[in-house]
Each structure stands twice: as structure tokens, then as C-alpha cells.
Amino acid sequence: MSQWHSIKAKRLLSALLRLGWTVNRQTGSHKVLAKPGWPDVVFAFHDNEEIGPRMLARIAKVTGLTPEDL
């Protein structure tokens, strides 16, 4: 069983912002998040969109997010 559960994109974005990620720029629904020492990450989800466990695991791999951060 995965340690990740489905959540709304709005909740994920707020968790990333609490971890020190900032919105570097935005074009439409594509936000480019930046954090010193990490490569930029494109966040292309709408606020009420549900993000599943597999996608959360992929995002966590490139952002350092943990299930406890949510």
C-alpha cells in the first residue's frame, strides 16, 4: 500500500509553499515553482483537481515533499 493518498491540488500547492517553494512565474494554469538548491518544478494542476498517489510520489521525488508535510 502506498504511503500517499489522493488530495486536491490546492492543498498540495499550499504544502509546497509552506516548505519554501515560491511561484517563480505563471502562464495560464502552469506555475513554475522555485526553491534555492532545487531545480524548478512545473505545477500544472487546477485548484479542485484530484491528484492521485502515483503523481504525488513523482512530485515528492523532485520537491522533497513527505506525507507528513500534507
PDB file of N, CA and C in Angstrom:
ATOM      1  N   MET A   1       0.837  -1.181   0.000  1.00  0.00           N
ATOM      2  CA  MET A   1       0.000   0.000   0.000  1.00  0.00           C
ATOM      3  C   MET A   1       0.879   1.240   0.000  1.00  0.00           C
ATOM      4  N   SER A   2       0.486   2.204  -0.779  1.00  0.00           N
ATOM      5  CA  SER A   2       1.253   3.435  -0.895  1.00  0.00           C
ATOM      6  C   SER A   2       1.089   4.298   0.355  1.00  0.00           C
ATOM      7  N   GLN A   3       2.116   5.048   0.674  1.00  0.00           N
ATOM      8  CA  GLN A   3       2.029   5.963   1.811  1.00  0.00           C
ATOM      9  C   GLN A   3       1.326   7.266   1.409  1.00  0.00           C
ATOM     10  N   TRP A   4       1.059   7.433   0.124  1.00  0.00           N
ATOM     11  CA  TRP A   4       0.405   8.627  -0.399  1.00  0.00           C
ATOM     12  C   TRP A   4      -1.077   8.374  -0.612  1.00  0.00           C
ATOM     13  N   HIS A   5      -1.876   9.403  -0.389  1.00  0.00           N
ATOM     14  CA  HIS A   5      -3.311   9.355  -0.623  1.00  0.00           C
ATOM     15  C   HIS A   5      -3.690  10.484  -1.567  1.00  0.00           C
ATOM     16  N   SER A   6      -4.811  10.384  -2.223  1.00  0.00           N
ATOM     17  CA  SER A   6      -5.270  11.431  -3.132  1.00  0.00           C
ATOM     18  C   SER A   6      -5.593  12.706  -2.362  1.00  0.00           C
ATOM     19  N   ILE A   7      -5.205  13.848  -2.933  1.00  0.00           N
ATOM     20  CA  ILE A   7      -5.531  15.144  -2.335  1.00  0.00           C
ATOM     21  C   ILE A   7      -5.851  16.134  -3.449  1.00  0.00           C
ATOM     22  N   LYS A   8      -6.423  17.251  -3.093  1.00  0.00           N
ATOM     23  CA  LYS A   8      -6.716  18.314  -4.044  1.00  0.00           C
ATOM     24  C   LYS A   8      -5.429  19.081  -4.349  1.00  0.00           C
ATOM     25  N   ALA A   9      -5.338  19.599  -5.565  1.00  0.00           N
ATOM     26  CA  ALA A   9      -4.153  20.336  -5.999  1.00  0.00           C
ATOM     27  C   ALA A   9      -3.913  21.572  -5.143  1.00  0.00           C
ATOM     28  N   LYS A  10      -4.976  22.213  -4.705  1.00  0.00           N
ATOM     29  CA  LYS A  10      -4.849  23.418  -3.869  1.00  0.00           C
ATOM     30  C   LYS A  10      -4.102  23.096  -2.575  1.00  0.00           C
ATOM     31  N   ARG A  11      -4.412  21.954  -1.984  1.00  0.00           N
ATOM     32  CA  ARG A  11      -3.756  21.543  -0.734  1.00  0.00           C
ATOM     33  C   ARG A  11      -2.278  21.213  -0.968  1.00  0.00           C
ATOM     34  N   LEU A  12      -1.992  20.569  -2.087  1.00  0.00           N
ATOM     35  CA  LEU A  12      -0.603  20.247  -2.420  1.00  0.00           C
ATOM     36  C   LEU A  12       0.209  21.512  -2.634  1.00  0.00           C
ATOM     37  N   LEU A  13      -0.348  22.465  -3.376  1.00  0.00           N
ATOM     38  CA  LEU A  13       0.366  23.714  -3.630  1.00  0.00           C
ATOM     39  C   LEU A  13       0.637  24.459  -2.331  1.00  0.00           C
ATOM     40  N   SER A  14      -0.326  24.512  -1.430  1.00  0.00           N
ATOM     41  CA  SER A  14      -0.100  25.212  -0.162  1.00  0.00           C
ATOM     42  C   SER A  14       0.973  24.512   0.672  1.00  0.00           C
ATOM     43  N   ALA A  15       1.028  23.184   0.617  1.00  0.00           N
ATOM     44  CA  ALA A  15       2.077  22.446   1.340  1.00  0.00           C
ATOM     45  C   ALA A  15       3.452  22.766   0.764  1.00  0.00           C
ATOM     46  N   LEU A  16       3.552  22.835  -0.568  1.00  0.00           N
ATOM     47  CA  LEU A  16       4.839  23.168  -1.188  1.00  0.00           C
ATOM     48  C   LEU A  16       5.269  24.586  -0.845  1.00  0.00           C
ATOM     49  N   LEU A  17       4.324  25.507  -0.800  1.00  0.00           N
ATOM     50  CA  LEU A  17       4.650  26.888  -0.433  1.00  0.00           C
ATOM     51  C   LEU A  17       5.123  26.973   1.011  1.00  0.00           C
ATOM     52  N   ARG A  18       4.527  26.177   1.912  1.00  0.00           N
ATOM     53  CA  ARG A  18       4.985  26.140   3.309  1.00  0.00           C
ATOM     54  C   ARG A  18       6.401  25.596   3.419  1.00  0.00           C
ATOM     55  N   LEU A  19       6.795  24.717   2.486  1.00  0.00           N
ATOM     56  CA  LEU A  19       8.136  24.124   2.514  1.00  0.00           C
ATOM     57  C   LEU A  19       9.204  25.034   1.918  1.00  0.00           C
ATOM     58  N   GLY A  20       8.806  26.210   1.479  1.00  0.00           N
ATOM     59  CA  GLY A  20       9.788  27.165   0.958  1.00  0.00           C
ATOM     60  C   GLY A  20       9.797  27.330  -0.546  1.00  0.00           C
ATOM     61  N   TRP A  21       8.943  26.610  -1.263  1.00  0.00           N
ATOM     62  CA  TRP A  21       8.827  26.786  -2.700  1.00  0.00           C
ATOM     63  C   TRP A  21       8.072  28.076  -2.961  1.00  0.00           C
ATOM     64  N   THR A  22       8.429  28.791  -4.007  1.00  0.00           N
ATOM     65  CA  THR A  22       7.743  30.018  -4.382  1.00  0.00           C
ATOM     66  C   THR A  22       7.317  29.923  -5.835  1.00  0.00           C
ATOM     67  N   VAL A  23       6.265  30.658  -6.195  1.00  0.00           N
ATOM     68  CA  VAL A  23       5.824  30.700  -7.584  1.00  0.00           C
ATOM     69  C   VAL A  23       6.737  31.685  -8.300  1.00  0.00           C
ATOM     70  N   ASN A  24       7.590  31.163  -9.164  1.00  0.00           N
ATOM     71  CA  ASN A  24       8.566  31.969  -9.889  1.00  0.00           C
ATOM     72  C   ASN A  24       7.895  32.729 -11.022  1.00  0.00           C
ATOM     73  N   ARG A  25       7.047  32.048 -11.773  1.00  0.00           N
ATOM     74  CA  ARG A  25       6.281  32.671 -12.854  1.00  0.00           C
ATOM     75  C   ARG A  25       5.081  31.794 -13.157  1.00  0.00           C
ATOM     76  N   GLN A  26       4.107  32.387 -13.890  1.00  0.00           N
ATOM     77  CA  GLN A  26       2.893  31.645 -14.212  1.00  0.00           C
ATOM     78  C   GLN A  26       2.428  32.016 -15.599  1.00  0.00           C
ATOM     79  N   THR A  27       2.057  30.994 -16.384  1.00  0.00           N
ATOM     80  CA  THR A  27       1.460  31.177 -17.705  1.00  0.00           C
ATOM     81  C   THR A  27       0.205  30.318 -17.735  1.00  0.00           C
ATOM     82  N   GLY A  28      -0.953  30.948 -17.701  1.00  0.00           N
ATOM     83  CA  GLY A  28      -2.201  30.192 -17.633  1.00  0.00           C
ATOM     84  C   GLY A  28      -2.263  29.417 -16.336  1.00  0.00           C
ATOM     85  N   SER A  29      -2.524  28.119 -16.417  1.00  0.00           N
ATOM     86  CA  SER A  29      -2.586  27.299 -15.205  1.00  0.00           C
ATOM     87  C   SER A  29      -1.238  26.667 -14.864  1.00  0.00           C
ATOM     88  N   HIS A  30      -0.211  26.954 -15.645  1.00  0.00           N
ATOM     89  CA  HIS A  30       1.123  26.402 -15.386  1.00  0.00           C
ATOM     90  C   HIS A  30       1.911  27.354 -14.490  1.00  0.00           C
ATOM     91  N   LYS A  31       2.214  26.878 -13.285  1.00  0.00           N
ATOM     92  CA  LYS A  31       3.032  27.652 -12.353  1.00  0.00           C
ATOM     93  C   LYS A  31       4.412  27.012 -12.306  1.00  0.00           C
ATOM     94  N   VAL A  32       5.450  27.823 -12.354  1.00  0.00           N
ATOM     95  CA  VAL A  32       6.806  27.317 -12.218  1.00  0.00           C
ATOM     96  C   VAL A  32       7.254  27.643 -10.797  1.00  0.00           C
ATOM     97  N   LEU A  33       7.478  26.585 -10.012  1.00  0.00           N
ATOM     98  CA  LEU A  33       7.889  26.744  -8.621  1.00  0.00           C
ATOM     99  C   LEU A  33       9.408  26.679  -8.521  1.00  0.00           C
ATOM    100  N   ALA A  34       9.953  27.500  -7.650  1.00  0.00           N
ATOM    101  CA  ALA A  34      11.404  27.544  -7.480  1.00  0.00           C
ATOM    102  C   ALA A  34      11.750  27.497  -5.995  1.00  0.00           C
ATOM    103  N   LYS A  35      12.901  26.895  -5.711  1.00  0.00           N
ATOM    104  CA  LYS A  35      13.440  26.841  -4.348  1.00  0.00           C
ATOM    105  C   LYS A  35      14.955  26.771  -4.488  1.00  0.00           C
ATOM    106  N   PRO A  36      15.680  27.584  -3.745  1.00  0.00           N
ATOM    107  CA  PRO A  36      17.145  27.554  -3.846  1.00  0.00           C
ATOM    108  C   PRO A  36      17.698  26.154  -3.582  1.00  0.00           C
ATOM    109  N   GLY A  37      18.599  25.723  -4.456  1.00  0.00           N
ATOM    110  CA  GLY A  37      19.224  24.411  -4.317  1.00  0.00           C
ATOM    111  C   GLY A  37      18.458  23.283  -4.984  1.00  0.00           C
ATOM    112  N   TRP A  38      17.311  23.575  -5.567  1.00  0.00           N
ATOM    113  CA  TRP A  38      16.481  22.574  -6.237  1.00  0.00           C
ATOM    114  C   TRP A  38      16.208  23.036  -7.663  1.00  0.00           C
ATOM    115  N   PRO A  39      16.053  22.095  -8.595  1.00  0.00           N
ATOM    116  CA  PRO A  39      15.657  22.503  -9.957  1.00  0.00           C
ATOM    117  C   PRO A  39      14.194  22.985  -9.950  1.00  0.00           C
ATOM    118  N   ASP A  40      13.855  23.883 -10.868  1.00  0.00           N
ATOM    119  CA  ASP A  40      12.492  24.390 -10.976  1.00  0.00           C
ATOM    120  C   ASP A  40      11.525  23.252 -11.286  1.00  0.00           C
ATOM    121  N   VAL A  41      10.291  23.391 -10.808  1.00  0.00           N
ATOM    122  CA  VAL A  41       9.260  22.386 -10.987  1.00  0.00           C
ATOM    123  C   VAL A  41       8.040  23.062 -11.601  1.00  0.00           C
ATOM    124  N   VAL A  42       7.464  22.457 -12.642  1.00  0.00           N
ATOM    125  CA  VAL A  42       6.243  22.977 -13.241  1.00  0.00           C
ATOM    126  C   VAL A  42       5.056  22.341 -12.542  1.00  0.00           C
ATOM    127  N   PHE A  43       4.154  23.181 -12.043  1.00  0.00           N
ATOM    128  CA  PHE A  43       2.939  22.740 -11.354  1.00  0.00           C
ATOM    129  C   PHE A  43       1.773  23.127 -12.246  1.00  0.00           C
ATOM    130  N   ALA A  44       1.145  22.150 -12.895  1.00  0.00           N
ATOM    131  CA  ALA A  44       0.113  22.431 -13.903  1.00  0.00           C
ATOM    132  C   ALA A  44      -1.224  21.802 -13.547  1.00  0.00           C
ATOM    133  N   PHE A  45      -1.694  22.055 -12.329  1.00  0.00           N
ATOM    134  CA  PHE A  45      -2.957  21.489 -11.879  1.00  0.00           C
ATOM    135  C   PHE A  45      -3.918  22.612 -11.523  1.00  0.00           C
ATOM    136  N   HIS A  46      -5.205  22.363 -11.720  1.00  0.00           N
ATOM    137  CA  HIS A  46      -6.228  23.311 -11.300  1.00  0.00           C
ATOM    138  C   HIS A  46      -6.553  23.048  -9.838  1.00  0.00           C
ATOM    139  N   ASP A  47      -7.012  24.079  -9.118  1.00  0.00           N
ATOM    140  CA  ASP A  47      -7.214  24.003  -7.670  1.00  0.00           C
ATOM    141  C   ASP A  47      -8.032  22.807  -7.205  1.00  0.00           C
ATOM    142  N   ASN A  48      -9.130  22.512  -7.859  1.00  0.00           N
ATOM    143  CA  ASN A  48     -10.004  21.437  -7.388  1.00  0.00           C
ATOM    144  C   ASN A  48      -9.702  20.091  -8.013  1.00  0.00           C
ATOM    145  N   GLU A  49      -8.651  20.002  -8.795  1.00  0.00           N
ATOM    146  CA  GLU A  49      -8.284  18.739  -9.425  1.00  0.00           C
ATOM    147  C   GLU A  49      -7.719  17.783  -8.379  1.00  0.00           C
ATOM    148  N   GLU A  50      -8.126  16.530  -8.457  1.00  0.00           N
ATOM    149  CA  GLU A  50      -7.659  15.494  -7.534  1.00  0.00           C
ATOM    150  C   GLU A  50      -6.331  14.930  -8.045  1.00  0.00           C
ATOM    151  N   ILE A  51      -5.343  14.854  -7.167  1.00  0.00           N
ATOM    152  CA  ILE A  51      -4.033  14.313  -7.533  1.00  0.00           C
ATOM    153  C   ILE A  51      -3.874  12.979  -6.819  1.00  0.00           C
ATOM    154  N   GLY A  52      -3.624  11.938  -7.588  1.00  0.00           N
ATOM    155  CA  GLY A  52      -3.548  10.590  -7.050  1.00  0.00           C
ATOM    156  C   GLY A  52      -2.207  10.255  -6.434  1.00  0.00           C
ATOM    157  N   PRO A  53      -2.123   9.084  -5.802  1.00  0.00           N
ATOM    158  CA  PRO A  53      -0.902   8.664  -5.108  1.00  0.00           C
ATOM    159  C   PRO A  53       0.326   8.559  -6.001  1.00  0.00           C
ATOM    160  N   ARG A  54       0.169   8.066  -7.227  1.00  0.00           N
ATOM    161  CA  ARG A  54       1.337   7.926  -8.112  1.00  0.00           C
ATOM    162  C   ARG A  54       1.920   9.280  -8.482  1.00  0.00           C
ATOM    163  N   MET A  55       1.045  10.239  -8.813  1.00  0.00           N
ATOM    164  CA  MET A  55       1.523  11.567  -9.167  1.00  0.00           C
ATOM    165  C   MET A  55       2.133  12.262  -7.954  1.00  0.00           C
ATOM    166  N   LEU A  56       1.542  12.070  -6.772  1.00  0.00           N
ATOM    167  CA  LEU A  56       2.125  12.648  -5.559  1.00  0.00           C
ATOM    168  C   LEU A  56       3.523  12.105  -5.303  1.00  0.00           C
ATOM    169  N   ALA A  57       3.722  10.823  -5.523  1.00  0.00           N
ATOM    170  CA  ALA A  57       5.046  10.231  -5.332  1.00  0.00           C
ATOM    171  C   ALA A  57       6.057  10.832  -6.302  1.00  0.00           C
ATOM    172  N   ARG A  58       5.625  11.059  -7.529  1.00  0.00           N
ATOM    173  CA  ARG A  58       6.528  11.681  -8.515  1.00  0.00           C
ATOM    174  C   ARG A  58       6.873  13.113  -8.131  1.00  0.00           C
ATOM    175  N   ILE A  59       5.867  13.864  -7.673  1.00  0.00           N
ATOM    176  CA  ILE A  59       6.101  15.240  -7.251  1.00  0.00           C
ATOM    177  C   ILE A  59       7.015  15.263  -6.032  1.00  0.00           C
ATOM    178  N   ALA A  60       6.808  14.340  -5.101  1.00  0.00           N
ATOM    179  CA  ALA A  60       7.628  14.273  -3.893  1.00  0.00           C
ATOM    180  C   ALA A  60       9.089  14.007  -4.224  1.00  0.00           C
ATOM    181  N   LYS A  61       9.323  13.203  -5.236  1.00  0.00           N
ATOM    182  CA  LYS A  61      10.689  12.868  -5.619  1.00  0.00           C
ATOM    183  C   LYS A  61      11.476  14.094  -6.071  1.00  0.00           C
ATOM    184  N   VAL A  62      10.807  15.032  -6.745  1.00  0.00           N
ATOM    185  CA  VAL A  62      11.516  16.210  -7.260  1.00  0.00           C
ATOM    186  C   VAL A  62      11.419  17.426  -6.336  1.00  0.00           C
ATOM    187  N   THR A  63      10.551  17.362  -5.297  1.00  0.00           N
ATOM    188  CA  THR A  63      10.389  18.516  -4.417  1.00  0.00           C
ATOM    189  C   THR A  63      10.818  18.267  -2.973  1.00  0.00           C
ATOM    190  N   GLY A  64      11.033  17.014  -2.593  1.00  0.00           N
ATOM    191  CA  GLY A  64      11.385  16.702  -1.223  1.00  0.00           C
ATOM    192  C   GLY A  64      10.182  16.639  -0.292  1.00  0.00           C
ATOM    193  N   LEU A  65       8.984  16.574  -0.841  1.00  0.00           N
ATOM    194  CA  LEU A  65       7.752  16.512  -0.067  1.00  0.00           C
ATOM    195  C   LEU A  65       7.638  15.148   0.622  1.00  0.00           C
ATOM    196  N   THR A  66       7.111  15.139   1.842  1.00  0.00           N
ATOM    197  CA  THR A  66       6.847  13.892   2.551  1.00  0.00           C
ATOM    198  C   THR A  66       5.367  13.851   2.912  1.00  0.00           C
ATOM    199  N   PRO A  67       4.800  12.676   3.185  1.00  0.00           N
ATOM    200  CA  PRO A  67       3.386  12.600   3.566  1.00  0.00           C
ATOM    201  C   PRO A  67       3.061  13.432   4.810  1.00  0.00           C
ATOM    202  N   GLU A  68       4.003  13.600   5.704  1.00  0.00           N
ATOM    203  CA  GLU A  68       3.786  14.387   6.914  1.00  0.00           C
ATOM    204  C   GLU A  68       3.630  15.878   6.602  1.00  0.00           C
ATOM    205  N   ASP A  69       4.159  16.329   5.459  1.00  0.00           N
ATOM    206  CA  ASP A  69       4.059  17.729   5.084  1.00  0.00           C
ATOM    207  C   ASP A  69       2.648  18.124   4.675  1.00  0.00           C
ATOM    208  N   LEU A  70       1.844  17.137   4.331  1.00  0.00           N
ATOM    209  CA  LEU A  70       0.481  17.425   3.890  1.00  0.00           C
ATOM    210  C   LEU A  70      -0.424  17.554   5.091  1.00  0.00           C
TER     211      LEU A  70
END
